[in-house]
Amino acid sequence: MELYTVLQKLDKSNRNVVGLLRELLNLLSQLKELGENLETNQLWITITGKLPDYLLGNLIKEKLRKPEWTIQDTITFLKECIKVTDILEVTKQTHQMEIQKNVRHLPTRMLRQRE
């Protein structure tokens, strides 16, 4: 099946993590729509082989807490990772904007002293 080939060829290097996770979720969604059985060891191995070590470690921790873990649980975990990453990005941007706003309001002589 072509989708399995695309999944196998997904490269985890040189990609942003959110982009990779979105691609994985998209492929899994397409496989599910086609009626494919997602609950296979091979699919689990393929998915986890694409994840960065830190995400894989967190995924394994979650799986150890829930012995009846399914691929649907993995999908939920990946979606949550995207949400957390998005929230972190917005928080960083907001924080950076606050810093820039505060710096703009500093008197000029204070800025010179900081240099």
Foldseek 3Di string as FASTA:
>chain_A
DVLVVVLQPDALPPDDQLVSLVSLLVSVVVCVVVVHDCFDPVNVCSVLVNHDPVLSVVVVVVCVVPVVDGVVNVNVSSVVVNVVVVVVVVVVVVVVVVVVVVVVPDDPVVVVVVD
